[in-house]
Protein backbone atom coordinates (compact mmCIF):
# COMPACT_ATOMS: atom_id res chain seq x y z
CA MET A 1 -35.61 -13.80 54.02
CA ARG A 2 -32.06 -13.48 55.26
CA LEU A 3 -30.79 -14.69 51.86
CA VAL A 4 -32.97 -12.17 50.06
CA ALA A 5 -31.69 -9.39 52.29
CA VAL A 6 -28.09 -10.35 51.60
CA ILE A 7 -28.73 -10.28 47.83
CA ILE A 8 -30.43 -6.88 48.05
CA ILE A 9 -27.60 -5.44 50.14
CA ALA A 10 -25.01 -6.84 47.74
CA SER A 11 -26.86 -5.40 44.77
CA LEU A 12 -27.10 -1.99 46.38
CA TRP A 13 -23.39 -2.11 47.17
CA MET A 14 -22.56 -2.92 43.53
CA VAL A 15 -24.78 -0.11 42.24
CA GLY A 16 -23.37 2.33 44.72
CA GLY A 17 -19.83 1.29 43.88
CA CYS A 18 -20.51 1.75 40.18
CA LEU A 19 -22.00 5.17 40.77
CA THR A 20 -18.80 6.25 42.46
CA GLY A 21 -16.11 4.05 40.91
CA CYS A 22 -17.49 3.49 37.40
CA SER A 23 -18.03 7.15 36.61
CA THR A 24 -15.29 8.63 34.46
CA VAL A 25 -13.72 11.92 35.39
CA ARG A 26 -13.57 14.05 32.29
CA PRO A 27 -10.25 15.64 31.36
CA THR A 28 -9.81 19.36 31.71
CA GLY A 29 -9.78 21.74 28.78
CA GLN A 30 -10.51 25.29 27.83
CA THR A 31 -13.32 24.26 25.47
CA GLU A 32 -15.72 21.37 25.12
CA ALA A 33 -14.04 20.50 21.82
CA GLU A 34 -10.70 20.13 23.58
CA ILE A 35 -12.26 17.93 26.25
CA LEU A 36 -13.91 15.70 23.64
CA TYR A 37 -10.62 15.34 21.78
CA LYS A 38 -8.72 14.42 24.93
CA GLU A 39 -11.40 11.88 25.78
CA ALA A 40 -11.09 10.36 22.31
CA GLN A 41 -7.31 10.17 22.70
CA SER A 42 -7.60 8.41 26.04
CA LEU A 43 -10.20 5.97 24.74
CA THR A 44 -8.02 5.21 21.71
CA LYS A 45 -5.00 4.46 23.89
CA SER A 46 -7.08 2.01 25.92
CA GLY A 47 -8.43 0.31 22.78
CA ARG A 48 -12.02 1.53 23.23
CA TYR A 49 -12.32 2.57 19.63
CA LEU A 50 -16.10 2.75 19.27
CA LEU A 51 -16.40 5.17 22.17
CA ALA A 52 -13.50 7.18 20.80
CA ILE A 53 -15.23 7.43 17.41
CA GLU A 54 -18.40 8.58 19.15
CA LYS A 55 -16.48 11.40 20.85
CA LEU A 56 -14.82 12.42 17.58
CA ASN A 57 -18.11 12.43 15.71
CA THR A 58 -19.62 14.65 18.39
CA LEU A 59 -16.65 17.00 18.17
CA ARG A 60 -16.76 17.22 14.38
CA SER A 61 -20.52 17.69 14.18
CA GLN A 62 -20.92 20.19 17.03
CA TYR A 63 -17.61 22.05 16.70
CA PRO A 64 -16.62 21.79 13.02
CA TYR A 65 -14.55 25.00 13.13
CA SER A 66 -12.75 24.17 16.34
CA PHE A 67 -8.97 24.03 16.51
CA TYR A 68 -9.34 20.34 17.39
CA ALA A 69 -11.57 19.45 14.41
CA THR A 70 -8.54 18.89 12.15
CA SER A 71 -6.77 16.78 14.75
CA ALA A 72 -9.98 14.78 15.13
CA GLU A 73 -9.87 13.91 11.40
CA LEU A 74 -6.35 12.58 11.77
CA LEU A 75 -7.17 10.58 14.89
CA MET A 76 -10.16 9.07 13.09
CA GLY A 77 -7.85 7.70 10.43
CA ASP A 78 -5.59 6.21 13.10
CA ILE A 79 -8.52 4.53 14.80
CA LEU A 80 -9.81 3.02 11.55
CA TYR A 81 -6.33 1.65 10.85
CA LYS A 82 -6.07 0.18 14.37
CA GLN A 83 -9.46 -1.49 13.79
CA HIS A 84 -8.04 -3.08 10.61
CA ASN A 85 -10.57 -1.14 8.53
CA TYR A 86 -7.88 -0.43 5.96
CA VAL A 87 -10.11 0.69 3.09
CA GLU A 88 -11.84 3.23 5.32
CA ALA A 89 -8.52 4.28 6.85
CA ALA A 90 -7.03 4.95 3.42
CA GLY A 91 -10.07 7.04 2.56
CA ALA A 92 -9.83 9.03 5.79
CA PHE A 93 -6.14 9.79 5.32
CA ILE A 94 -6.61 10.68 1.64
CA ASN A 95 -9.37 13.12 2.59
CA PHE A 96 -7.05 14.68 5.15
CA TYR A 97 -4.29 14.85 2.54
CA ASP A 98 -6.60 16.63 0.08
CA ASP A 99 -8.10 19.01 2.65
CA HIS A 100 -4.89 19.97 4.46
CA PRO A 101 -2.05 19.99 1.88
CA THR A 102 0.28 22.11 4.06
CA HIS A 103 -0.35 20.44 7.42
CA PRO A 104 2.84 19.75 9.42
CA GLN A 105 1.77 16.12 9.82
CA LEU A 106 1.61 15.58 6.07
CA PRO A 107 4.61 13.17 5.96
CA TYR A 108 2.85 10.96 8.51
CA VAL A 109 -0.40 11.19 6.55
CA ILE A 110 1.27 10.13 3.28
CA TRP A 111 2.97 7.28 5.14
CA MET A 112 -0.35 6.10 6.59
CA ILE A 113 -2.06 6.24 3.19
CA ALA A 114 0.65 3.96 1.83
CA GLU A 115 0.45 1.70 4.87
CA SER A 116 -3.33 1.43 4.57
CA PHE A 117 -2.96 0.24 0.97
CA THR A 118 -0.10 -2.15 1.79
CA ALA A 119 -2.18 -3.70 4.56
CA GLN A 120 -4.74 -4.68 1.90
CA ASN A 121 -2.22 -6.62 -0.20
CA PRO A 122 -3.00 -10.30 -0.80
CA SER A 123 -0.59 -12.89 0.54
CA THR A 124 0.40 -14.13 -2.93
CA SER A 125 1.29 -12.39 -6.18
CA ASP A 126 -1.26 -14.26 -8.31
CA ARG A 127 -4.11 -12.06 -7.06
CA ASP A 128 -5.04 -8.41 -7.63
CA LEU A 129 -2.09 -6.20 -6.65
CA SER A 130 -3.62 -2.80 -7.36
CA THR A 131 -3.20 -1.93 -3.67
CA ALA A 132 0.55 -2.50 -3.95
CA VAL A 133 0.66 -0.10 -6.91
CA GLU A 134 -1.24 2.54 -4.93
CA ALA A 135 0.93 2.03 -1.88
CA ASN A 136 4.15 2.46 -3.84
CA HIS A 137 2.80 5.64 -5.39
CA PHE A 138 2.52 7.20 -1.94
CA TYR A 139 5.77 5.71 -0.65
CA ARG A 140 7.52 7.36 -3.60
CA GLU A 141 5.79 10.65 -2.89
CA LEU A 142 6.98 10.50 0.71
CA LEU A 143 10.55 9.87 -0.42
CA ARG A 144 10.38 12.63 -3.03
CA ARG A 145 8.76 15.34 -0.95
CA PHE A 146 10.06 14.54 2.52
CA PRO A 147 13.41 12.72 2.17
CA ASP A 148 14.29 13.47 5.79
CA ALA A 149 11.05 12.15 7.28
CA GLU A 150 11.45 9.52 10.00
CA GLN A 151 9.30 7.06 8.02
CA VAL A 152 11.63 7.05 4.97
CA PRO A 153 13.73 3.94 5.85
CA ALA A 154 10.62 1.87 6.53
CA ALA A 155 8.95 3.25 3.39
CA GLN A 156 11.91 2.15 1.27
CA GLU A 157 11.72 -1.36 2.70
CA LYS A 158 7.96 -1.64 2.22
CA MET A 159 8.22 -0.31 -1.32
CA GLN A 160 10.81 -2.94 -2.22
CA LYS A 161 8.56 -5.71 -0.91
CA ASN A 162 5.61 -4.41 -2.90
CA GLN A 163 7.79 -4.08 -5.98
CA ALA A 164 8.97 -7.68 -5.59
CA MET A 165 5.36 -8.89 -5.58
CA LEU A 166 4.53 -6.80 -8.65
CA GLN A 167 7.63 -8.07 -10.43
CA GLU A 168 6.78 -11.69 -9.68
CA LYS A 169 3.27 -11.25 -11.00
CA ALA A 170 4.44 -9.49 -14.16
CA ILE A 171 7.04 -12.09 -15.12
CA ASN A 172 4.69 -14.97 -14.30
CA ILE A 173 2.05 -13.57 -16.64
CA ALA A 174 4.59 -13.07 -19.42
CA ASP A 175 5.93 -16.61 -18.94
CA PHE A 176 2.40 -18.01 -19.00
CA TYR A 177 1.76 -16.47 -22.40
CA TYR A 178 5.11 -17.79 -23.61
CA ARG A 179 4.38 -21.33 -22.41
CA THR A 180 1.00 -21.29 -24.13
CA ASP A 181 2.53 -20.14 -27.43
CA LYS A 182 0.92 -16.70 -27.33
CA TYR A 183 4.14 -15.02 -28.35
CA GLY A 184 2.65 -11.66 -29.31
CA ALA A 185 1.08 -11.22 -25.88
CA ALA A 186 4.22 -12.51 -24.21
CA LEU A 187 6.39 -10.05 -26.15
CA TYR A 188 4.23 -7.13 -24.99
CA ARG A 189 4.50 -8.32 -21.38
CA TYR A 190 8.27 -8.78 -21.50
CA GLN A 191 8.77 -5.35 -23.02
CA ASP A 192 6.53 -3.79 -20.37
CA PHE A 193 8.49 -5.65 -17.69
CA LEU A 194 11.77 -4.18 -18.94
CA GLN A 195 10.32 -0.68 -18.60
CA ARG A 196 9.15 -1.18 -15.02
CA PHE A 197 11.50 -3.48 -13.10
CA GLU A 198 15.19 -3.48 -12.29
CA GLU A 199 16.23 -6.85 -10.85
CA GLN A 200 19.10 -7.99 -13.06
CA LYS A 201 18.52 -11.75 -13.28
CA VAL A 202 14.84 -11.43 -14.08
CA ARG A 203 15.56 -8.68 -16.60
CA GLN A 204 18.04 -10.95 -18.37
CA HIS A 205 15.36 -13.63 -18.57
CA ALA A 206 12.89 -11.10 -19.97
CA ILE A 207 15.38 -9.83 -22.58
CA LEU A 208 16.09 -13.31 -23.93
CA ARG A 209 12.42 -14.19 -24.04
CA ALA A 210 11.50 -10.88 -25.68
CA VAL A 211 14.04 -11.45 -28.48
CA ASP A 212 12.73 -14.97 -28.96
CA CYS A 213 9.10 -13.81 -29.03
CA ALA A 214 9.89 -11.09 -31.55
CA CYS A 215 11.55 -13.66 -33.79
CA ARG A 216 8.68 -16.11 -33.44
CA THR A 217 6.20 -13.40 -34.42
CA LYS A 218 8.41 -12.38 -37.37
CA GLN A 219 9.20 -8.96 -35.94
CA GLN A 220 12.87 -8.83 -36.93
CA ALA A 221 13.21 -5.08 -36.39
CA VAL A 222 11.78 -5.37 -32.88
CA ALA A 223 14.18 -8.19 -32.01
CA GLN A 224 17.07 -6.10 -33.32
CA GLN A 225 15.97 -3.10 -31.28
CA ILE A 226 15.65 -5.14 -28.07
CA LEU A 227 19.16 -6.50 -28.56
CA ALA A 228 20.55 -3.03 -29.23
CA ASN A 229 18.86 -1.55 -26.16
CA PHE A 230 19.61 -4.25 -23.62
CA LYS A 231 22.63 -6.29 -24.77
CA SER A 232 24.83 -4.57 -22.18
CA GLU A 233 22.79 -6.22 -19.44
CA LEU A 234 23.43 -9.75 -20.70
CA THR A 235 26.29 -12.06 -19.86
CA PRO A 236 28.53 -13.12 -22.77
CA VAL A 237 26.80 -16.52 -22.88
CA GLN A 238 23.35 -14.93 -22.83
CA LEU A 239 24.31 -12.44 -25.49
CA LYS A 240 25.58 -15.23 -27.72
CA THR A 241 22.30 -17.12 -27.27
CA ALA A 242 20.24 -14.03 -28.06
CA GLN A 243 22.38 -13.17 -31.08
CA GLU A 244 22.12 -16.70 -32.47
CA GLY A 245 18.36 -16.60 -32.09
CA TYR A 246 18.18 -13.25 -33.82
CA ASP A 247 20.46 -14.43 -36.65
CA LYS A 248 18.18 -17.42 -37.31
CA CYS A 249 15.22 -15.05 -37.37
CA ARG A 250 17.02 -12.71 -39.79
CA TRP A 251 18.17 -15.51 -42.06
CA ALA A 252 14.69 -17.02 -42.21
CA GLU A 253 13.26 -13.64 -43.18
CA GLU A 254 15.93 -13.04 -45.82
CA ASN A 255 15.49 -16.50 -47.35
CA LYS A 256 11.80 -15.78 -47.83
CA LYS A 257 12.74 -12.81 -49.96
């Protein structure tokens, strides 16, 4: 009986302690919407994201025209990103972007859209990189519209990394077609590469291969045009190689006539 009594007393002490110590004092605010928003902020800072989302949903459903309803939309995007729900986060920030085009936090919103897409990138360039394309679209918009935004240096760095992945994928696909003797497809890929990417060494590789592919597919005029457009980017040795290849192509075509 003594053991039972001790257990009962201990249980009552725990319940009583929880009733006093476990209860949360709500923050102060002029409206219930403000209180709910402050609660969501506090819960987010402590990593209690599900409870924070519950508070935000209550705020947005019960007080949709409140001053804090817009801030709640933005905080929802932040929470989704912190939860690694990057697809949903991108959607939340894009909705905010569309609904509040003049909001003072727009540079941050554009940055977070781009970050949400970048976070979805695969680890290697041989997989779908559509998220990198989307991310760079918004990084560029940030740089164009808000060149003085605090996120600009980081955006430039992230954009370069995404561009490097896209470049690697593009040249690998073109080289694959070249290796498998699909010179028409390879030519198209090399020409597209030259329109989109700027790294000098890889561009030189693409120029030489494009001239070669044009010759192999008996497109003398195309080979001539590629040389005329891009010869200034080649080294003297590379230019000589490209010119010799083009001359063979031209001579072969003329001999047929």
